[in-house]
Amino acid sequence: MADVAIPSAATLSALTAQIDEVLARVGEGAEASDRTPTENLAAALYDAERALRSARRALVRAERSLP
């Protein structure tokens, strides 16, 4: 198996920032879809938003656990 470097705090922080950007875009799409006939789209986007928030929390936890 190839050696894989442990992610640095900077890498995890950058990933968290990227998720923040995606979260904003998904949230905007969900809100825009919520008031139209595309409620199914809104529901799917809200699900994606929840999953992204969970991923963000996991990355923050990972960053805090670094030595």
PDB file of N, CA and C in Angstrom:
ATOM      1  N   MET A   1       0.845  -1.172   0.000  1.00  0.00           N
ATOM      2  CA  MET A   1       0.000   0.000   0.000  1.00  0.00           C
ATOM      3  C   MET A   1       0.896   1.243   0.000  1.00  0.00           C
ATOM      4  N   ALA A   2       0.531   2.226  -0.786  1.00  0.00           N
ATOM      5  CA  ALA A   2       1.316   3.455  -0.881  1.00  0.00           C
ATOM      6  C   ALA A   2       1.171   4.275   0.394  1.00  0.00           C
ATOM      7  N   ASP A   3       2.251   4.977   0.717  1.00  0.00           N
ATOM      8  CA  ASP A   3       2.205   5.867   1.878  1.00  0.00           C
ATOM      9  C   ASP A   3       1.295   7.055   1.557  1.00  0.00           C
ATOM     10  N   VAL A   4       0.390   7.316   2.451  1.00  0.00           N
ATOM     11  CA  VAL A   4      -0.529   8.446   2.298  1.00  0.00           C
ATOM     12  C   VAL A   4      -0.289   9.385   3.472  1.00  0.00           C
ATOM     13  N   ALA A   5      -0.093  10.650   3.155  1.00  0.00           N
ATOM     14  CA  ALA A   5       0.187  11.636   4.202  1.00  0.00           C
ATOM     15  C   ALA A   5      -1.068  11.923   5.018  1.00  0.00           C
ATOM     16  N   ILE A   6      -0.876  12.114   6.298  1.00  0.00           N
ATOM     17  CA  ILE A   6      -1.973  12.534   7.172  1.00  0.00           C
ATOM     18  C   ILE A   6      -2.331  13.962   6.804  1.00  0.00           C
ATOM     19  N   PRO A   7      -3.618  14.259   6.639  1.00  0.00           N
ATOM     20  CA  PRO A   7      -4.000  15.635   6.288  1.00  0.00           C
ATOM     21  C   PRO A   7      -3.545  16.618   7.360  1.00  0.00           C
ATOM     22  N   SER A   8      -3.098  17.770   6.916  1.00  0.00           N
ATOM     23  CA  SER A   8      -2.673  18.807   7.844  1.00  0.00           C
ATOM     24  C   SER A   8      -3.882  19.633   8.272  1.00  0.00           C
ATOM     25  N   ALA A   9      -3.685  20.433   9.302  1.00  0.00           N
ATOM     26  CA  ALA A   9      -4.744  21.336   9.753  1.00  0.00           C
ATOM     27  C   ALA A   9      -5.132  22.289   8.628  1.00  0.00           C
ATOM     28  N   ALA A  10      -4.141  22.737   7.862  1.00  0.00           N
ATOM     29  CA  ALA A  10      -4.420  23.658   6.757  1.00  0.00           C
ATOM     30  C   ALA A  10      -5.285  22.988   5.688  1.00  0.00           C
ATOM     31  N   THR A  11      -5.001  21.728   5.396  1.00  0.00           N
ATOM     32  CA  THR A  11      -5.791  20.994   4.407  1.00  0.00           C
ATOM     33  C   THR A  11      -7.229  20.831   4.882  1.00  0.00           C
ATOM     34  N   LEU A  12      -7.399  20.439   6.125  1.00  0.00           N
ATOM     35  CA  LEU A  12      -8.754  20.250   6.670  1.00  0.00           C
ATOM     36  C   LEU A  12      -9.499  21.579   6.733  1.00  0.00           C
ATOM     37  N   SER A  13      -8.799  22.636   7.077  1.00  0.00           N
ATOM     38  CA  SER A  13      -9.416  23.955   7.116  1.00  0.00           C
ATOM     39  C   SER A  13      -9.860  24.388   5.721  1.00  0.00           C
ATOM     40  N   ALA A  14      -9.027  24.110   4.718  1.00  0.00           N
ATOM     41  CA  ALA A  14      -9.384  24.453   3.341  1.00  0.00           C
ATOM     42  C   ALA A  14     -10.606  23.667   2.882  1.00  0.00           C
ATOM     43  N   LEU A  15     -10.672  22.403   3.243  1.00  0.00           N
ATOM     44  CA  LEU A  15     -11.838  21.588   2.897  1.00  0.00           C
ATOM     45  C   LEU A  15     -13.099  22.119   3.571  1.00  0.00           C
ATOM     46  N   THR A  16     -12.969  22.527   4.821  1.00  0.00           N
ATOM     47  CA  THR A  16     -14.102  23.102   5.546  1.00  0.00           C
ATOM     48  C   THR A  16     -14.583  24.370   4.858  1.00  0.00           C
ATOM     49  N   ALA A  17     -13.663  25.198   4.414  1.00  0.00           N
ATOM     50  CA  ALA A  17     -14.028  26.434   3.711  1.00  0.00           C
ATOM     51  C   ALA A  17     -14.749  26.123   2.399  1.00  0.00           C
ATOM     52  N   GLN A  18     -14.289  25.096   1.706  1.00  0.00           N
ATOM     53  CA  GLN A  18     -14.956  24.708   0.462  1.00  0.00           C
ATOM     54  C   GLN A  18     -16.373  24.215   0.728  1.00  0.00           C
ATOM     55  N   ILE A  19     -16.534  23.450   1.795  1.00  0.00           N
ATOM     56  CA  ILE A  19     -17.881  22.985   2.150  1.00  0.00           C
ATOM     57  C   ILE A  19     -18.764  24.174   2.508  1.00  0.00           C
ATOM     58  N   ASP A  20     -18.208  25.168   3.197  1.00  0.00           N
ATOM     59  CA  ASP A  20     -18.985  26.364   3.528  1.00  0.00           C
ATOM     60  C   ASP A  20     -19.520  27.036   2.265  1.00  0.00           C
ATOM     61  N   GLU A  21     -18.671  27.117   1.236  1.00  0.00           N
ATOM     62  CA  GLU A  21     -19.100  27.726  -0.025  1.00  0.00           C
ATOM     63  C   GLU A  21     -20.213  26.914  -0.685  1.00  0.00           C
ATOM     64  N   VAL A  22     -20.049  25.605  -0.710  1.00  0.00           N
ATOM     65  CA  VAL A  22     -21.069  24.739  -1.310  1.00  0.00           C
ATOM     66  C   VAL A  22     -22.360  24.809  -0.497  1.00  0.00           C
ATOM     67  N   LEU A  23     -22.226  24.840   0.820  1.00  0.00           N
ATOM     68  CA  LEU A  23     -23.406  24.952   1.686  1.00  0.00           C
ATOM     69  C   LEU A  23     -24.223  26.192   1.349  1.00  0.00           C
ATOM     70  N   ALA A  24     -23.551  27.303   1.152  1.00  0.00           N
ATOM     71  CA  ALA A  24     -24.253  28.542   0.830  1.00  0.00           C
ATOM     72  C   ALA A  24     -25.006  28.402  -0.483  1.00  0.00           C
ATOM     73  N   ARG A  25     -24.360  27.823  -1.475  1.00  0.00           N
ATOM     74  CA  ARG A  25     -25.001  27.672  -2.792  1.00  0.00           C
ATOM     75  C   ARG A  25     -26.178  26.712  -2.731  1.00  0.00           C
ATOM     76  N   VAL A  26     -26.010  25.602  -2.033  1.00  0.00           N
ATOM     77  CA  VAL A  26     -27.095  24.624  -1.917  1.00  0.00           C
ATOM     78  C   VAL A  26     -28.254  25.229  -1.133  1.00  0.00           C
ATOM     79  N   GLY A  27     -27.938  25.940  -0.058  1.00  0.00           N
ATOM     80  CA  GLY A  27     -28.982  26.579   0.742  1.00  0.00           C
ATOM     81  C   GLY A  27     -29.785  27.594  -0.053  1.00  0.00           C
ATOM     82  N   GLU A  28     -29.091  28.384  -0.860  1.00  0.00           N
ATOM     83  CA  GLU A  28     -29.788  29.358  -1.704  1.00  0.00           C
ATOM     84  C   GLU A  28     -30.705  28.663  -2.695  1.00  0.00           C
ATOM     85  N   GLY A  29     -30.231  27.585  -3.275  1.00  0.00           N
ATOM     86  CA  GLY A  29     -31.055  26.827  -4.219  1.00  0.00           C
ATOM     87  C   GLY A  29     -32.256  26.203  -3.550  1.00  0.00           C
ATOM     88  N   ALA A  30     -32.068  25.717  -2.344  1.00  0.00           N
ATOM     89  CA  ALA A  30     -33.175  25.110  -1.608  1.00  0.00           C
ATOM     90  C   ALA A  30     -34.237  26.150  -1.276  1.00  0.00           C
ATOM     91  N   GLU A  31     -33.793  27.303  -0.801  1.00  0.00           N
ATOM     92  CA  GLU A  31     -34.754  28.360  -0.468  1.00  0.00           C
ATOM     93  C   GLU A  31     -35.509  28.832  -1.701  1.00  0.00           C
ATOM     94  N   ALA A  32     -34.805  28.979  -2.818  1.00  0.00           N
ATOM     95  CA  ALA A  32     -35.450  29.427  -4.047  1.00  0.00           C
ATOM     96  C   ALA A  32     -36.457  28.386  -4.546  1.00  0.00           C
ATOM     97  N   SER A  33     -36.152  27.125  -4.365  1.00  0.00           N
ATOM     98  CA  SER A  33     -37.018  26.051  -4.850  1.00  0.00           C
ATOM     99  C   SER A  33     -38.196  25.797  -3.916  1.00  0.00           C
ATOM    100  N   ASP A  34     -38.057  26.229  -2.685  1.00  0.00           N
ATOM    101  CA  ASP A  34     -39.073  25.956  -1.668  1.00  0.00           C
ATOM    102  C   ASP A  34     -40.407  26.634  -1.966  1.00  0.00           C
ATOM    103  N   ARG A  35     -40.376  27.734  -2.669  1.00  0.00           N
ATOM    104  CA  ARG A  35     -41.600  28.504  -2.903  1.00  0.00           C
ATOM    105  C   ARG A  35     -42.109  28.369  -4.332  1.00  0.00           C
ATOM    106  N   THR A  36     -41.742  27.290  -4.965  1.00  0.00           N
ATOM    107  CA  THR A  36     -42.166  27.067  -6.340  1.00  0.00           C
ATOM    108  C   THR A  36     -42.739  25.664  -6.456  1.00  0.00           C
ATOM    109  N   PRO A  37     -43.215  25.317  -7.643  1.00  0.00           N
ATOM    110  CA  PRO A  37     -43.723  23.942  -7.816  1.00  0.00           C
ATOM    111  C   PRO A  37     -42.637  22.872  -7.723  1.00  0.00           C
ATOM    112  N   THR A  38     -41.424  23.260  -7.431  1.00  0.00           N
ATOM    113  CA  THR A  38     -40.316  22.297  -7.367  1.00  0.00           C
ATOM    114  C   THR A  38     -40.011  21.895  -5.931  1.00  0.00           C
ATOM    115  N   GLU A  39     -41.041  21.597  -5.164  1.00  0.00           N
ATOM    116  CA  GLU A  39     -40.835  21.233  -3.760  1.00  0.00           C
ATOM    117  C   GLU A  39     -39.983  19.984  -3.598  1.00  0.00           C
ATOM    118  N   ASN A  40     -40.087  19.043  -4.538  1.00  0.00           N
ATOM    119  CA  ASN A  40     -39.249  17.846  -4.460  1.00  0.00           C
ATOM    120  C   ASN A  40     -37.774  18.205  -4.600  1.00  0.00           C
ATOM    121  N   LEU A  41     -37.486  19.155  -5.461  1.00  0.00           N
ATOM    122  CA  LEU A  41     -36.116  19.645  -5.606  1.00  0.00           C
ATOM    123  C   LEU A  41     -35.656  20.295  -4.304  1.00  0.00           C
ATOM    124  N   ALA A  42     -36.504  21.102  -3.719  1.00  0.00           N
ATOM    125  CA  ALA A  42     -36.163  21.759  -2.456  1.00  0.00           C
ATOM    126  C   ALA A  42     -35.874  20.723  -1.374  1.00  0.00           C
ATOM    127  N   ALA A  43     -36.714  19.699  -1.294  1.00  0.00           N
ATOM    128  CA  ALA A  43     -36.512  18.662  -0.281  1.00  0.00           C
ATOM    129  C   ALA A  43     -35.168  17.970  -0.474  1.00  0.00           C
ATOM    130  N   ALA A  44     -34.817  17.673  -1.725  1.00  0.00           N
ATOM    131  CA  ALA A  44     -33.532  17.023  -2.000  1.00  0.00           C
ATOM    132  C   ALA A  44     -32.370  17.946  -1.641  1.00  0.00           C
ATOM    133  N   LEU A  45     -32.516  19.228  -1.941  1.00  0.00           N
ATOM    134  CA  LEU A  45     -31.451  20.184  -1.614  1.00  0.00           C
ATOM    135  C   LEU A  45     -31.305  20.356  -0.108  1.00  0.00           C
ATOM    136  N   TYR A  46     -32.418  20.362   0.621  1.00  0.00           N
ATOM    137  CA  TYR A  46     -32.327  20.439   2.082  1.00  0.00           C
ATOM    138  C   TYR A  46     -31.647  19.198   2.649  1.00  0.00           C
ATOM    139  N   ASP A  47     -31.917  18.024   2.048  1.00  0.00           N
ATOM    140  CA  ASP A  47     -31.217  16.802   2.462  1.00  0.00           C
ATOM    141  C   ASP A  47     -29.723  16.934   2.225  1.00  0.00           C
ATOM    142  N   ALA A  48     -29.352  17.460   1.057  1.00  0.00           N
ATOM    143  CA  ALA A  48     -27.933  17.660   0.737  1.00  0.00           C
ATOM    144  C   ALA A  48     -27.307  18.651   1.714  1.00  0.00           C
ATOM    145  N   GLU A  49     -28.055  19.693   2.050  1.00  0.00           N
ATOM    146  CA  GLU A  49     -27.548  20.693   2.993  1.00  0.00           C
ATOM    147  C   GLU A  49     -27.270  20.057   4.350  1.00  0.00           C
ATOM    148  N   ARG A  50     -28.178  19.208   4.818  1.00  0.00           N
ATOM    149  CA  ARG A  50     -27.959  18.525   6.101  1.00  0.00           C
ATOM    150  C   ARG A  50     -26.717  17.631   6.041  1.00  0.00           C
ATOM    151  N   ALA A  51     -26.548  16.922   4.940  1.00  0.00           N
ATOM    152  CA  ALA A  51     -25.389  16.039   4.796  1.00  0.00           C
ATOM    153  C   ALA A  51     -24.091  16.852   4.779  1.00  0.00           C
ATOM    154  N   LEU A  52     -24.115  17.989   4.097  1.00  0.00           N
ATOM    155  CA  LEU A  52     -22.930  18.843   4.063  1.00  0.00           C
ATOM    156  C   LEU A  52     -22.613  19.408   5.445  1.00  0.00           C
ATOM    157  N   ARG A  53     -23.641  19.777   6.194  1.00  0.00           N
ATOM    158  CA  ARG A  53     -23.405  20.272   7.566  1.00  0.00           C
ATOM    159  C   ARG A  53     -22.772  19.181   8.433  1.00  0.00           C
ATOM    160  N   SER A  54     -23.237  17.953   8.237  1.00  0.00           N
ATOM    161  CA  SER A  54     -22.664  16.831   8.976  1.00  0.00           C
ATOM    162  C   SER A  54     -21.203  16.612   8.576  1.00  0.00           C
ATOM    163  N   ALA A  55     -20.919  16.692   7.284  1.00  0.00           N
ATOM    164  CA  ALA A  55     -19.544  16.542   6.806  1.00  0.00           C
ATOM    165  C   ALA A  55     -18.656  17.654   7.355  1.00  0.00           C
ATOM    166  N   ARG A  56     -19.187  18.863   7.420  1.00  0.00           N
ATOM    167  CA  ARG A  56     -18.434  19.995   7.955  1.00  0.00           C
ATOM    168  C   ARG A  56     -18.072  19.757   9.422  1.00  0.00           C
ATOM    169  N   ARG A  57     -19.055  19.303  10.195  1.00  0.00           N
ATOM    170  CA  ARG A  57     -18.792  19.015  11.614  1.00  0.00           C
ATOM    171  C   ARG A  57     -17.712  17.942  11.753  1.00  0.00           C
ATOM    172  N   ALA A  58     -17.756  16.917  10.899  1.00  0.00           N
ATOM    173  CA  ALA A  58     -16.763  15.846  10.957  1.00  0.00           C
ATOM    174  C   ALA A  58     -15.369  16.381  10.634  1.00  0.00           C
ATOM    175  N   LEU A  59     -15.272  17.278   9.649  1.00  0.00           N
ATOM    176  CA  LEU A  59     -13.970  17.857   9.324  1.00  0.00           C
ATOM    177  C   LEU A  59     -13.436  18.709  10.464  1.00  0.00           C
ATOM    178  N   VAL A  60     -14.296  19.469  11.105  1.00  0.00           N
ATOM    179  CA  VAL A  60     -13.878  20.283  12.256  1.00  0.00           C
ATOM    180  C   VAL A  60     -13.401  19.372  13.378  1.00  0.00           C
ATOM    181  N   ARG A  61     -14.131  18.286  13.620  1.00  0.00           N
ATOM    182  CA  ARG A  61     -13.717  17.323  14.645  1.00  0.00           C
ATOM    183  C   ARG A  61     -12.360  16.726  14.299  1.00  0.00           C
ATOM    184  N   ALA A  62     -12.166  16.384  13.031  1.00  0.00           N
ATOM    185  CA  ALA A  62     -10.894  15.820  12.593  1.00  0.00           C
ATOM    186  C   ALA A  62      -9.751  16.814  12.806  1.00  0.00           C
ATOM    187  N   GLU A  63     -10.005  18.063  12.458  1.00  0.00           N
ATOM    188  CA  GLU A  63      -8.963  19.072  12.636  1.00  0.00           C
ATOM    189  C   GLU A  63      -8.597  19.243  14.108  1.00  0.00           C
ATOM    190  N   ARG A  64      -9.608  19.210  14.962  1.00  0.00           N
ATOM    191  CA  ARG A  64      -9.345  19.355  16.407  1.00  0.00           C
ATOM    192  C   ARG A  64      -8.573  18.154  16.982  1.00  0.00           C
ATOM    193  N   SER A  65      -8.687  17.000  16.338  1.00  0.00           N
ATOM    194  CA  SER A  65      -8.047  15.807  16.861  1.00  0.00           C
ATOM    195  C   SER A  65      -6.602  15.664  16.414  1.00  0.00           C
ATOM    196  N   LEU A  66      -6.146  16.572  15.547  1.00  0.00           N
ATOM    197  CA  LEU A  66      -4.747  16.499  15.113  1.00  0.00           C
ATOM    198  C   LEU A  66      -3.818  16.804  16.274  1.00  0.00           C
ATOM    199  N   PRO A  67      -2.681  16.107  16.283  1.00  0.00           N
ATOM    200  CA  PRO A  67      -1.704  16.368  17.358  1.00  0.00           C
ATOM    201  C   PRO A  67      -1.067  17.732  17.235  1.00  0.00           C
TER     202      PRO A  67
END
